[in-house]
Amino acid sequence: MVCLYKWNTAEEDFGMNPVSNGTNLNFWYTTEENGEAAIENATYVANVTVAIEEEIGPESGPEPEQNLTELYNDSVSLIQGNTMFMPENSTQSYRVNNFTDFGVLAVTGLEFNASLMQNMTGNMTQSMAGNMTGNQTGNMTGNMTNMSFILQSIEGIKNNNTTGEKWFVYINGEPAEENFGINPVSSGDNLSFWYTTEEGGEAAIENATYVANVTVDELIARANIIPAAQNQTNLTTFVNAVQTANLTQTLNGTTPYTVCIPNNEAFDKLPAETRSQLMNNTTLLREVLSYHVLSGRFTREQLASTSNVTNIQGNVLQVNTIGNNIKIQNVNITQIIIVNNGVICIIDEVLVPPGSGIPAGNQTDGNQTGGWYFFSIPFEANNTSVDYLLSDVNYTFLIYYNASTRLFEDVSDIEPLKAYWINVPNGTEFNASEQFSSVEKKQIIAPPSLQVYPGWNALGSPVNETVPAEAAFIILNNSSLNSSYVKIVGPWVPGNNTTGYYQYVGYNSLNGTIGENQLGADEFEVEPYEGYWVFIRQENLYG
């Protein structure tokens, strides 16, 4: 067979010839004469005209005709402290934490304007507009407690009530969770300030006319660990606990440490009796706090490239990285600060040493959360309803991560190819292979398939046997490199309560053992009934 391209013989071998919009391709089945197709003798032909549709939406980025103006595109480092900001209609200036989205915009030197929203009583609010430049200071100070800002303009480009255009703040590609000025940032974060209209409560990025893109290099504190922590208003409980346990001098010494510091909300999650037990037992408190101290200095890049670290007690703690999120012992690291004698990693739960007798996990008084399991089923059941398949299981939560919406959803049916999270009470275990071993399977007419989307997808094995990842996900590796999968993480190894860890990280297109728990796709084994995170480059069909 000879492929003709635009009525000329294709220049390269099949699969290597680029095409563009409007290209006509003819695949002739015929004999050869003088190195070309004898078209007059052809018995079969396939005629194809290429029509390329341009992607539309936030994932594809702004289109050229938008006339998008980039006001800023660079990286910054933030130094711990406060920026003074005086609202235009106020007689008082306010201290704003530099380690926030406000601080990021301030350090760029772009002139911007914000409205101060201050909670009053009930549902009443007070709004005051003020101007801000990268180096403005004020003489009076005020607290940011219960206050936040609304970004009004950058470089004189103001929110427009007539056209509906306004400024939006996005962090790592997602809308900022809080109002401008109180969103914490960490090293490695990417912030985008979009000027555009609103659709469905979010920025219509495809309509944006201005953007400022900023990457955070490092958060730097000139002080040692404890003085740097004292400058963070949400770390006061830990600082007080360190003083009670007589660990201040240790953490302020010359030996480099990386300290995982639970924020105040993390301590509040512990039952009241547990907090009281800790603060009244210096030996136990010292043990718990020391469990949070790692030997050595670990930057974001170093944490993201390792699977475990060792604390000063000799305990090995698991580290897992998915996208921009880093977890230690399945607890989120929300912020990383470089200090003189080490690193501070702010976390959102208290790490509890095994055997300490203290209940672990995300807890409130009288409401202990049990263990999480990440599972799938490698077949389609005759009856897929949760009420039927889990009728004899005592569980608290059952959720599924929808990659198209990037949200966790409640589950009514358990389907093949999808991976689900189930939470069971303390003292209870969940074994998916045992749970579904006797379930009646549906007679297969056509193999099931699942649409997968760019980013992380929660997937299960397509077959009821253990196979290498390169075989399990082979359908995702089609001829286009851009639509292949990149990384696999799993299986999840449950621990007591909410602790646990992912056992392996696998890499597509790599072979063999790469690191301690990092494997090529030929060695990464995908097991039936387990759940896996798979990072996909482009929308595809999995089956």
Protein backbone atom coordinates (compact mmCIF):
# COMPACT_ATOMS: atom_id res chain seq x y z
CA MET A 1 0.00 0.00 0.00
CA VAL A 2 1.24 3.51 -0.83
CA CYS A 3 -0.05 6.59 0.98
CA LEU A 4 -0.58 9.64 -1.21
CA TYR A 5 -0.56 13.04 0.48
CA LYS A 6 -2.23 15.94 -1.39
CA TRP A 7 -1.95 13.85 -4.57
CA ASN A 8 1.77 13.52 -4.04
CA THR A 9 3.51 10.50 -2.60
CA ALA A 10 4.01 10.94 1.14
CA GLU A 11 7.56 12.13 1.86
CA GLU A 12 8.08 10.09 5.04
CA ASP A 13 7.11 6.63 6.21
CA PHE A 14 3.59 6.14 7.52
CA GLY A 15 3.12 7.81 10.87
CA MET A 16 5.76 10.48 10.31
CA ASN A 17 4.00 12.82 7.89
CA PRO A 18 2.50 15.96 9.52
CA VAL A 19 -0.95 17.14 8.41
CA SER A 20 -2.82 20.41 8.84
CA ASN A 21 -6.32 21.75 8.52
CA GLY A 22 -7.69 21.06 5.00
CA THR A 23 -5.11 18.41 4.06
CA ASN A 24 -6.50 15.67 1.76
CA LEU A 25 -5.12 12.17 2.26
CA ASN A 26 -5.66 9.16 -0.03
CA PHE A 27 -4.75 5.66 1.00
CA TRP A 28 -4.51 3.69 -2.29
CA TYR A 29 -4.34 -0.12 -2.49
CA THR A 30 -2.60 -0.85 -5.78
CA THR A 31 0.62 -1.91 -7.48
CA GLU A 32 3.79 0.12 -7.76
CA GLU A 33 5.29 1.65 -10.90
CA ASN A 34 8.63 3.49 -10.79
CA GLY A 35 8.39 3.85 -7.02
CA GLU A 36 4.89 5.36 -7.07
CA ALA A 37 1.31 4.09 -6.88
CA ALA A 38 -0.27 2.87 -10.09
CA ILE A 39 -3.52 4.69 -9.32
CA GLU A 40 -5.19 3.45 -12.51
CA ASN A 41 -4.86 -0.11 -11.18
CA ALA A 42 -6.15 0.65 -7.67
CA THR A 43 -8.85 -1.63 -6.25
CA TYR A 44 -9.41 0.12 -2.90
CA VAL A 45 -9.05 3.68 -1.65
CA ALA A 46 -9.74 5.61 1.58
CA ASN A 47 -10.15 9.39 1.14
CA VAL A 48 -9.79 11.63 4.19
CA THR A 49 -9.91 15.45 4.59
CA VAL A 50 -8.47 16.84 7.82
CA ALA A 51 -10.60 19.31 9.82
CA ILE A 52 -8.95 20.42 13.06
CA GLU A 53 -11.19 21.83 15.77
CA GLU A 54 -9.47 24.21 18.16
CA GLU A 55 -10.05 23.51 21.82
CA ILE A 56 -12.03 26.08 23.76
CA GLY A 57 -11.97 26.66 27.50
CA PRO A 58 -9.67 27.18 30.47
CA GLU A 59 -7.75 23.92 29.89
CA SER A 60 -6.60 25.00 26.42
CA GLY A 61 -5.63 28.53 27.43
CA PRO A 62 -6.54 31.85 25.84
CA GLU A 63 -6.84 31.98 22.05
CA PRO A 64 -4.78 34.43 19.98
CA GLU A 65 -7.74 36.62 19.01
CA GLN A 66 -8.29 37.44 22.67
CA ASN A 67 -5.55 40.07 22.50
CA LEU A 68 -4.45 38.97 25.96
CA THR A 69 -1.99 41.33 27.66
CA GLU A 70 0.43 39.77 30.12
CA LEU A 71 1.19 42.29 32.85
CA TYR A 72 3.72 40.11 34.63
CA ASN A 73 5.30 36.67 34.16
CA ASP A 74 8.13 35.86 36.54
CA SER A 75 8.99 34.17 39.81
CA VAL A 76 9.33 35.81 43.23
CA SER A 77 10.67 34.98 46.68
CA LEU A 78 8.77 36.16 49.75
CA ILE A 79 10.42 37.26 52.98
CA GLN A 80 8.49 36.67 56.17
CA GLY A 81 6.83 39.70 57.66
CA ASN A 82 3.95 42.04 57.02
CA THR A 83 3.12 44.58 54.33
CA MET A 84 1.44 47.76 55.51
CA PHE A 85 -1.72 48.61 53.60
CA MET A 86 -3.91 51.67 54.21
CA PRO A 87 -7.36 51.64 52.60
CA GLU A 88 -8.18 54.87 50.82
CA ASN A 89 -11.19 55.75 52.99
CA SER A 90 -9.66 54.65 56.26
CA THR A 91 -7.60 56.39 58.91
CA GLN A 92 -5.95 53.11 59.84
CA SER A 93 -3.42 50.95 58.02
CA TYR A 94 -3.44 47.17 58.17
CA ARG A 95 -0.72 44.57 58.43
CA VAL A 96 -1.03 41.88 55.77
CA ASN A 97 0.97 38.64 55.94
CA ASN A 98 3.56 38.50 53.16
CA PHE A 99 3.05 34.76 52.76
CA THR A 100 -0.32 35.24 51.03
CA ASP A 101 -1.65 36.02 47.57
CA PHE A 102 -1.63 39.70 48.65
CA GLY A 103 2.07 39.47 49.46
CA VAL A 104 2.82 37.80 46.11
CA LEU A 105 1.15 40.62 44.17
CA ALA A 106 2.80 43.27 46.34
CA VAL A 107 6.32 42.00 45.73
CA THR A 108 5.88 42.10 41.93
CA GLY A 109 5.87 45.90 42.09
CA LEU A 110 2.60 46.11 40.15
CA GLU A 111 0.33 48.87 41.42
CA PHE A 112 -2.97 47.45 42.60
CA ASN A 113 -6.13 48.47 44.43
CA ALA A 114 -8.27 46.45 46.84
CA SER A 115 -11.43 46.83 48.90
CA LEU A 116 -11.27 45.90 52.54
CA MET A 117 -14.13 43.70 53.74
CA GLN A 118 -14.48 43.83 57.51
CA ASN A 119 -17.00 41.67 59.35
CA MET A 120 -19.24 43.79 61.56
CA THR A 121 -22.34 42.33 63.23
CA GLY A 122 -24.75 39.82 61.77
CA ASN A 123 -24.65 39.96 57.98
CA MET A 124 -23.47 43.57 57.78
CA THR A 125 -20.16 44.37 56.10
CA GLN A 126 -18.14 47.49 55.62
CA SER A 127 -16.30 48.08 52.32
CA MET A 128 -13.51 50.58 51.91
CA ALA A 129 -11.35 51.08 48.83
CA GLY A 130 -7.62 51.63 49.06
CA ASN A 131 -4.56 51.92 46.81
CA MET A 132 -1.48 49.75 47.11
CA THR A 133 1.94 49.78 45.50
CA GLY A 134 4.74 47.31 46.03
CA ASN A 135 6.58 49.57 48.52
CA GLN A 136 3.83 51.57 50.27
CA THR A 137 3.94 51.84 54.06
CA GLY A 138 1.78 53.46 56.71
CA ASN A 139 2.11 54.84 60.22
CA MET A 140 -0.88 53.19 61.89
CA THR A 141 -1.44 49.48 62.28
CA GLY A 142 -4.43 47.20 62.56
CA ASN A 143 -5.09 43.47 62.70
CA MET A 144 -6.28 41.40 59.75
CA THR A 145 -8.48 39.32 62.06
CA ASN A 146 -11.86 38.63 60.41
CA MET A 147 -10.83 40.80 57.46
CA SER A 148 -10.11 40.09 53.83
CA PHE A 149 -9.87 42.00 50.57
CA ILE A 150 -11.50 42.11 47.18
CA LEU A 151 -9.04 42.81 44.37
CA GLN A 152 -10.31 45.89 42.51
CA SER A 153 -7.60 46.77 39.98
CA ILE A 154 -4.06 46.07 38.78
CA GLU A 155 -2.04 48.72 36.91
CA GLY A 156 -5.12 50.94 36.77
CA ILE A 157 -7.31 48.26 35.11
CA LYS A 158 -10.41 48.37 37.31
CA ASN A 159 -13.32 46.03 37.91
CA ASN A 160 -16.05 47.12 35.50
CA ASN A 161 -19.66 46.82 36.63
CA THR A 162 -20.90 47.64 33.13
CA THR A 163 -19.04 44.92 31.20
CA GLY A 164 -18.89 42.49 34.13
CA GLU A 165 -15.11 42.21 33.86
CA LYS A 166 -13.23 41.89 37.14
CA TRP A 167 -10.10 40.42 38.70
CA PHE A 168 -9.95 36.76 39.76
CA VAL A 169 -7.24 35.02 41.76
CA TYR A 170 -6.24 31.47 40.78
CA ILE A 171 -3.71 29.35 42.68
CA ASN A 172 -2.23 26.32 40.92
CA GLY A 173 -4.94 26.52 38.28
CA GLU A 174 -7.82 26.54 40.76
CA PRO A 175 -9.90 29.48 42.07
CA ALA A 176 -8.50 30.83 45.37
CA GLU A 177 -10.49 29.36 48.25
CA GLU A 178 -10.64 32.55 50.32
CA ASN A 179 -11.01 36.25 49.57
CA PHE A 180 -7.91 38.04 48.35
CA GLY A 181 -5.34 38.68 51.06
CA ILE A 182 -5.83 35.61 53.24
CA ASN A 183 -4.94 32.74 50.89
CA PRO A 184 -1.66 31.21 52.13
CA VAL A 185 0.95 30.38 49.51
CA SER A 186 3.91 28.04 49.51
CA SER A 187 7.07 27.58 47.47
CA GLY A 188 6.27 26.18 44.05
CA ASP A 189 2.78 27.70 43.89
CA ASN A 190 1.67 29.32 40.63
CA LEU A 191 -0.67 32.31 40.94
CA SER A 192 -2.63 33.84 38.06
CA PHE A 193 -4.54 37.11 38.39
CA TRP A 194 -7.10 37.07 35.54
CA TYR A 195 -9.11 40.06 34.34
CA THR A 196 -12.21 38.64 32.69
CA THR A 197 -15.94 37.99 32.98
CA GLU A 198 -17.56 35.43 35.25
CA GLU A 199 -19.25 32.20 34.22
CA GLY A 200 -20.77 29.82 36.74
CA GLY A 201 -19.03 31.59 39.61
CA GLU A 202 -15.57 31.19 38.07
CA ALA A 203 -13.34 33.14 35.72
CA ALA A 204 -14.08 32.79 32.00
CA ILE A 205 -10.39 32.45 31.23
CA GLU A 206 -11.00 32.14 27.49
CA ASN A 207 -12.38 35.71 27.60
CA ALA A 208 -9.53 37.18 29.66
CA THR A 209 -7.91 40.38 28.40
CA TYR A 210 -5.22 40.79 31.09
CA VAL A 211 -3.28 38.38 33.28
CA ALA A 212 -0.39 38.51 35.75
CA ASN A 213 1.36 35.15 36.25
CA VAL A 214 3.60 34.70 39.29
CA THR A 215 5.49 31.65 40.55
CA VAL A 216 6.60 31.51 44.19
CA ASP A 217 10.23 30.41 44.46
CA GLU A 218 10.77 30.37 48.21
CA LEU A 219 9.25 31.57 51.45
CA ILE A 220 12.13 32.88 53.51
CA ALA A 221 12.31 33.70 57.21
CA ARG A 222 15.46 35.35 58.50
CA ALA A 223 14.85 33.99 61.98
CA ASN A 224 15.34 30.48 63.39
CA ILE A 225 12.50 27.97 63.63
CA ILE A 226 10.72 29.14 66.80
CA PRO A 227 10.95 32.93 66.21
CA ALA A 228 9.74 32.34 62.64
CA ALA A 229 6.83 30.27 63.95
CA GLN A 230 6.00 33.01 66.47
CA ASN A 231 5.48 35.40 63.57
CA GLN A 232 2.70 33.16 62.23
CA THR A 233 -0.55 33.87 64.09
CA ASN A 234 -1.94 30.40 63.29
CA LEU A 235 0.94 28.53 64.99
CA THR A 236 0.57 29.84 68.55
CA THR A 237 -0.61 26.51 70.02
CA PHE A 238 2.50 24.71 68.77
CA VAL A 239 4.84 27.47 69.98
CA ASN A 240 3.26 27.34 73.47
CA ALA A 241 3.52 23.55 73.48
CA VAL A 242 7.23 23.69 72.53
CA GLN A 243 7.88 26.06 75.44
CA THR A 244 5.99 23.77 77.84
CA ALA A 245 8.01 20.74 76.62
CA ASN A 246 11.32 22.65 76.93
CA LEU A 247 12.17 22.11 73.25
CA THR A 248 12.70 25.76 72.32
CA GLN A 249 16.48 25.72 72.72
CA THR A 250 16.77 22.49 70.68
CA LEU A 251 14.79 23.86 67.74
CA ASN A 252 16.64 27.18 67.81
CA GLY A 253 20.10 25.61 67.73
CA THR A 254 22.56 25.27 64.87
CA THR A 255 21.53 21.72 63.95
CA PRO A 256 19.29 21.87 60.85
CA TYR A 257 15.78 20.48 61.32
CA THR A 258 12.62 20.31 59.27
CA VAL A 259 9.68 20.77 61.62
CA CYS A 260 6.14 19.75 60.65
CA ILE A 261 4.11 22.28 62.64
CA PRO A 262 0.37 21.65 63.05
CA ASN A 263 -1.62 24.87 62.80
CA ASN A 264 -4.00 25.94 65.56
CA GLU A 265 -6.97 24.34 63.77
CA ALA A 266 -5.11 21.00 63.73
CA PHE A 267 -4.81 21.02 67.52
CA ASP A 268 -8.47 22.03 67.79
CA LYS A 269 -9.43 18.85 65.92
CA LEU A 270 -8.14 16.76 68.82
CA PRO A 271 -10.68 15.94 71.53
CA ALA A 272 -10.58 18.32 74.51
CA GLU A 273 -9.46 15.54 76.85
CA THR A 274 -6.55 14.71 74.51
CA ARG A 275 -5.37 18.31 74.42
CA SER A 276 -5.58 18.47 78.20
CA GLN A 277 -3.69 15.18 78.50
CA LEU A 278 -0.88 16.51 76.31
CA MET A 279 -0.44 19.85 78.04
CA ASN A 280 -0.41 18.23 81.49
CA ASN A 281 2.07 15.48 80.66
CA THR A 282 5.43 16.97 79.67
CA THR A 283 6.97 13.61 78.77
CA LEU A 284 4.11 12.69 76.44
CA LEU A 285 4.03 16.20 74.96
CA ARG A 286 7.75 16.07 74.24
CA GLU A 287 7.33 12.68 72.56
CA VAL A 288 4.50 13.93 70.32
CA LEU A 289 6.29 17.15 69.37
CA SER A 290 9.57 15.34 68.64
CA TYR A 291 7.65 13.03 66.29
CA HIS A 292 7.10 16.14 64.12
CA VAL A 293 10.81 17.01 63.87
CA LEU A 294 12.77 15.60 60.91
CA SER A 295 16.54 15.30 60.86
CA GLY A 296 17.97 17.62 58.22
CA ARG A 297 16.69 20.33 55.91
CA PHE A 298 14.04 19.33 53.34
CA THR A 299 12.93 21.83 50.70
CA ARG A 300 9.75 21.37 48.64
CA GLU A 301 11.76 19.84 45.78
CA GLN A 302 13.46 17.37 48.11
CA LEU A 303 10.20 16.30 49.74
CA ALA A 304 8.51 15.90 46.35
CA SER A 305 11.30 13.59 45.16
CA THR A 306 11.32 11.22 48.15
CA SER A 307 8.93 8.62 49.54
CA ASN A 308 9.92 8.71 53.20
CA VAL A 309 11.86 10.72 55.78
CA THR A 310 13.16 9.98 59.27
CA ASN A 311 12.40 12.01 62.37
CA ILE A 312 14.72 12.59 65.32
CA GLN A 313 13.13 9.64 67.15
CA GLY A 314 14.17 7.31 64.32
CA ASN A 315 10.62 6.83 63.00
CA VAL A 316 10.21 6.57 59.21
CA LEU A 317 7.39 8.84 57.96
CA GLN A 318 5.77 8.34 54.56
CA VAL A 319 5.78 11.21 52.03
CA ASN A 320 3.40 11.26 49.06
CA THR A 321 3.17 13.84 46.29
CA ILE A 322 0.25 14.21 43.88
CA GLY A 323 0.35 17.25 41.63
CA ASN A 324 1.23 20.26 43.78
CA ASN A 325 0.07 18.57 47.00
CA ILE A 326 2.58 17.01 49.38
CA LYS A 327 1.46 14.84 52.28
CA ILE A 328 3.37 13.41 55.22
CA GLN A 329 1.72 10.44 56.94
CA ASN A 330 -1.36 11.33 54.83
CA VAL A 331 -1.52 14.81 56.37
CA ASN A 332 -1.48 17.85 54.09
CA ILE A 333 1.53 20.17 54.06
CA THR A 334 -0.15 23.53 53.46
CA GLN A 335 2.90 25.81 53.52
CA ILE A 336 6.70 25.48 53.46
CA ILE A 337 8.97 28.20 54.89
CA ILE A 338 12.78 28.26 54.65
CA VAL A 339 14.34 29.50 57.92
CA ASN A 340 17.89 30.13 59.12
CA ASN A 341 18.35 26.75 60.77
CA GLY A 342 16.01 24.57 58.73
CA VAL A 343 12.53 24.38 57.24
CA ILE A 344 9.00 24.81 58.60
CA CYS A 345 6.26 22.66 57.04
CA ILE A 346 2.82 23.78 58.23
CA ILE A 347 0.37 20.84 58.38
CA ASP A 348 -3.38 20.63 58.96
CA GLU A 349 -3.45 17.71 61.44
CA VAL A 350 -1.41 16.59 64.42
CA LEU A 351 0.89 13.61 63.75
CA VAL A 352 0.50 11.03 66.50
CA PRO A 353 3.33 8.57 67.31
CA PRO A 354 2.28 4.90 67.16
CA GLY A 355 1.88 3.39 70.61
CA SER A 356 1.42 6.76 72.32
CA GLY A 357 -2.13 5.91 73.36
CA ILE A 358 -3.46 9.10 71.75
CA PRO A 359 -6.25 8.66 69.19
CA ALA A 360 -5.00 9.73 65.73
CA GLY A 361 -6.72 11.26 62.76
CA ASN A 362 -9.04 14.12 61.97
CA GLN A 363 -11.18 14.15 65.09
CA THR A 364 -13.49 16.31 67.10
CA ASP A 365 -14.93 15.64 70.53
CA GLY A 366 -16.91 12.42 70.49
CA ASN A 367 -16.51 11.97 66.73
CA GLN A 368 -13.57 9.74 65.83
CA THR A 369 -12.91 9.06 62.17
CA GLY A 370 -11.95 5.52 61.18
CA GLY A 371 -9.79 4.11 58.39
CA TRP A 372 -9.83 4.84 54.66
CA TYR A 373 -9.58 2.21 51.92
CA PHE A 374 -9.03 2.84 48.18
CA PHE A 375 -10.71 0.07 46.20
CA SER A 376 -12.18 -0.96 42.84
CA ILE A 377 -13.96 -3.95 41.30
CA PRO A 378 -12.57 -5.57 38.10
CA PHE A 379 -16.00 -6.57 36.73
CA GLU A 380 -19.51 -5.22 36.29
CA ALA A 381 -21.99 -6.58 38.82
CA ASN A 382 -25.52 -7.55 37.86
CA ASN A 383 -26.71 -5.14 40.52
CA THR A 384 -24.34 -2.17 40.83
CA SER A 385 -26.21 -0.26 43.55
CA VAL A 386 -24.31 0.62 46.73
CA ASP A 387 -27.30 -0.48 48.83
CA TYR A 388 -26.92 -3.98 47.40
CA LEU A 389 -23.14 -4.34 47.15
CA LEU A 390 -22.40 -2.83 50.60
CA SER A 391 -25.58 -3.86 52.39
CA ASP A 392 -23.59 -5.71 55.09
CA VAL A 393 -20.79 -3.14 55.45
CA ASN A 394 -20.66 -0.63 58.30
CA TYR A 395 -19.16 2.41 56.60
CA THR A 396 -19.12 6.15 57.27
CA PHE A 397 -18.31 7.63 53.85
CA LEU A 398 -18.15 6.42 50.26
CA ILE A 399 -16.83 8.91 47.68
CA TYR A 400 -15.46 9.04 44.13
CA TYR A 401 -13.16 11.66 42.57
CA ASN A 402 -14.71 12.95 39.36
CA ALA A 403 -11.77 14.05 37.18
CA SER A 404 -14.02 16.05 34.85
CA THR A 405 -15.26 18.32 37.67
CA ARG A 406 -12.23 17.80 39.96
CA LEU A 407 -14.59 17.20 42.87
CA PHE A 408 -15.27 14.29 45.21
CA GLU A 409 -18.83 12.99 44.83
CA ASP A 410 -21.16 10.72 46.79
CA VAL A 411 -21.66 7.30 45.22
CA SER A 412 -24.91 5.46 44.38
CA ASP A 413 -23.47 2.77 42.06
CA ILE A 414 -20.15 0.95 42.07
CA GLU A 415 -18.86 0.51 38.54
CA PRO A 416 -15.81 -1.18 37.01
CA LEU A 417 -12.69 0.84 36.04
CA LYS A 418 -13.41 3.43 38.76
CA ALA A 419 -11.64 3.57 42.14
CA TYR A 420 -13.54 4.58 45.27
CA TRP A 421 -12.66 5.76 48.77
CA ILE A 422 -14.53 4.14 51.65
CA ASN A 423 -14.23 5.11 55.31
CA VAL A 424 -15.05 2.58 58.02
CA PRO A 425 -15.27 3.09 61.82
CA ASN A 426 -12.33 2.51 64.13
CA GLY A 427 -11.62 -1.17 64.67
CA THR A 428 -13.26 -2.12 61.34
CA GLU A 429 -11.51 -3.35 58.21
CA PHE A 430 -12.63 -3.47 54.58
CA ASN A 431 -11.41 -6.09 52.11
CA ALA A 432 -12.77 -5.48 48.61
CA SER A 433 -11.72 -8.84 47.15
CA GLU A 434 -13.57 -10.68 49.93
CA GLN A 435 -16.55 -8.31 49.87
CA PHE A 436 -17.22 -8.79 46.15
CA SER A 437 -15.97 -12.38 45.66
CA SER A 438 -19.46 -13.90 45.55
CA VAL A 439 -21.19 -11.04 43.70
CA GLU A 440 -23.03 -12.15 40.56
CA LYS A 441 -21.26 -10.79 37.49
CA LYS A 442 -23.06 -9.26 34.53
CA GLN A 443 -22.98 -11.13 31.23
CA ILE A 444 -20.58 -9.10 29.09
CA ILE A 445 -21.87 -7.97 25.70
CA ALA A 446 -19.41 -5.13 25.24
CA PRO A 447 -16.40 -4.43 27.52
CA PRO A 448 -16.98 -1.46 29.85
CA SER A 449 -15.17 1.81 29.15
CA LEU A 450 -14.58 5.02 31.09
CA GLN A 451 -13.84 8.55 29.93
CA VAL A 452 -10.66 9.87 31.55
CA TYR A 453 -9.63 13.52 31.74
CA PRO A 454 -6.44 15.60 31.95
CA GLY A 455 -4.97 15.41 35.45
CA TRP A 456 -5.40 12.79 38.15
CA ASN A 457 -8.00 10.04 37.62
CA ALA A 458 -9.09 7.46 40.23
CA LEU A 459 -8.92 4.15 38.35
CA GLY A 460 -9.14 0.42 39.00
CA SER A 461 -7.67 -2.51 37.09
CA PRO A 462 -9.49 -3.54 33.88
CA VAL A 463 -8.78 -7.25 34.49
CA ASN A 464 -9.23 -9.69 37.36
CA GLU A 465 -5.56 -10.55 37.71
CA THR A 466 -2.34 -8.82 38.67
CA VAL A 467 -0.60 -7.34 35.61
CA PRO A 468 2.12 -4.73 35.01
CA ALA A 469 0.95 -1.14 34.60
CA GLU A 470 2.20 -1.13 31.00
CA ALA A 471 -0.39 -3.85 30.27
CA ALA A 472 -3.20 -2.56 32.49
CA PHE A 473 -3.13 0.92 30.97
CA ILE A 474 -1.96 0.02 27.47
CA ILE A 475 -5.11 1.48 25.90
CA LEU A 476 -4.08 4.91 27.23
CA ASN A 477 -0.84 4.68 25.25
CA ASN A 478 -2.08 5.35 21.73
CA SER A 479 -0.07 6.80 18.88
CA SER A 480 -0.24 10.35 20.26
CA LEU A 481 2.26 10.96 23.08
CA ASN A 482 0.09 13.78 24.39
CA SER A 483 -2.76 11.44 25.23
CA SER A 484 -0.69 8.91 27.17
CA TYR A 485 -0.58 8.57 30.93
CA VAL A 486 2.42 9.85 32.85
CA LYS A 487 2.39 8.49 36.39
CA ILE A 488 0.61 5.90 38.56
CA VAL A 489 0.38 6.07 42.36
CA GLY A 490 -0.83 3.22 44.58
CA PRO A 491 -1.99 0.97 46.01
CA TRP A 492 -3.07 2.65 49.23
CA VAL A 493 -1.87 0.85 52.35
CA PRO A 494 -4.35 1.62 55.17
CA GLY A 495 -3.09 2.41 58.65
CA ASN A 496 -4.71 3.08 61.99
CA ASN A 497 -7.50 5.62 61.72
CA THR A 498 -6.63 8.14 58.96
CA THR A 499 -2.95 7.21 58.67
CA GLY A 500 -1.71 5.22 55.71
CA TYR A 501 0.44 5.65 52.63
CA TYR A 502 0.73 4.91 48.92
CA GLN A 503 3.04 1.96 48.34
CA TYR A 504 4.54 2.76 44.94
CA VAL A 505 4.94 5.46 42.31
CA GLY A 506 5.12 4.22 38.71
CA TYR A 507 6.35 6.07 35.61
CA ASN A 508 5.20 5.39 32.08
CA SER A 509 7.92 4.89 29.44
CA LEU A 510 10.45 3.96 32.13
CA ASN A 511 11.60 0.46 33.05
CA GLY A 512 13.00 -1.22 36.11
CA THR A 513 13.43 0.07 39.65
CA ILE A 514 14.12 3.82 39.71
CA GLY A 515 14.18 4.48 43.47
CA GLU A 516 13.10 2.97 46.77
CA ASN A 517 9.41 2.85 45.88
CA GLN A 518 9.60 4.28 42.37
CA LEU A 519 9.17 1.83 39.51
CA GLY A 520 8.93 1.74 35.76
CA ALA A 521 5.61 0.72 34.23
CA ASP A 522 7.02 -2.74 33.50
CA GLU A 523 7.55 -3.45 37.22
CA PHE A 524 4.67 -1.49 38.75
CA GLU A 525 2.01 -4.18 39.42
CA VAL A 526 -1.66 -3.26 39.14
CA GLU A 527 -3.82 -5.50 41.31
CA PRO A 528 -7.56 -6.17 40.98
CA TYR A 529 -9.76 -4.66 43.72
CA GLU A 530 -7.16 -1.93 44.47
CA GLY A 531 -7.51 1.77 43.61
CA TYR A 532 -4.85 3.82 41.78
CA TRP A 533 -4.25 7.47 40.89
CA VAL A 534 -3.29 7.81 37.22
CA PHE A 535 -2.16 11.13 35.74
CA ILE A 536 -3.46 11.58 32.17
CA ARG A 537 -2.18 14.18 29.68
CA GLN A 538 -5.32 14.47 27.53
CA GLU A 539 -8.92 13.27 27.49
CA ASN A 540 -9.08 9.61 26.47
CA LEU A 541 -11.13 6.41 26.73
CA TYR A 542 -10.04 3.77 29.24
CA GLY A 543 -11.24 0.18 29.06
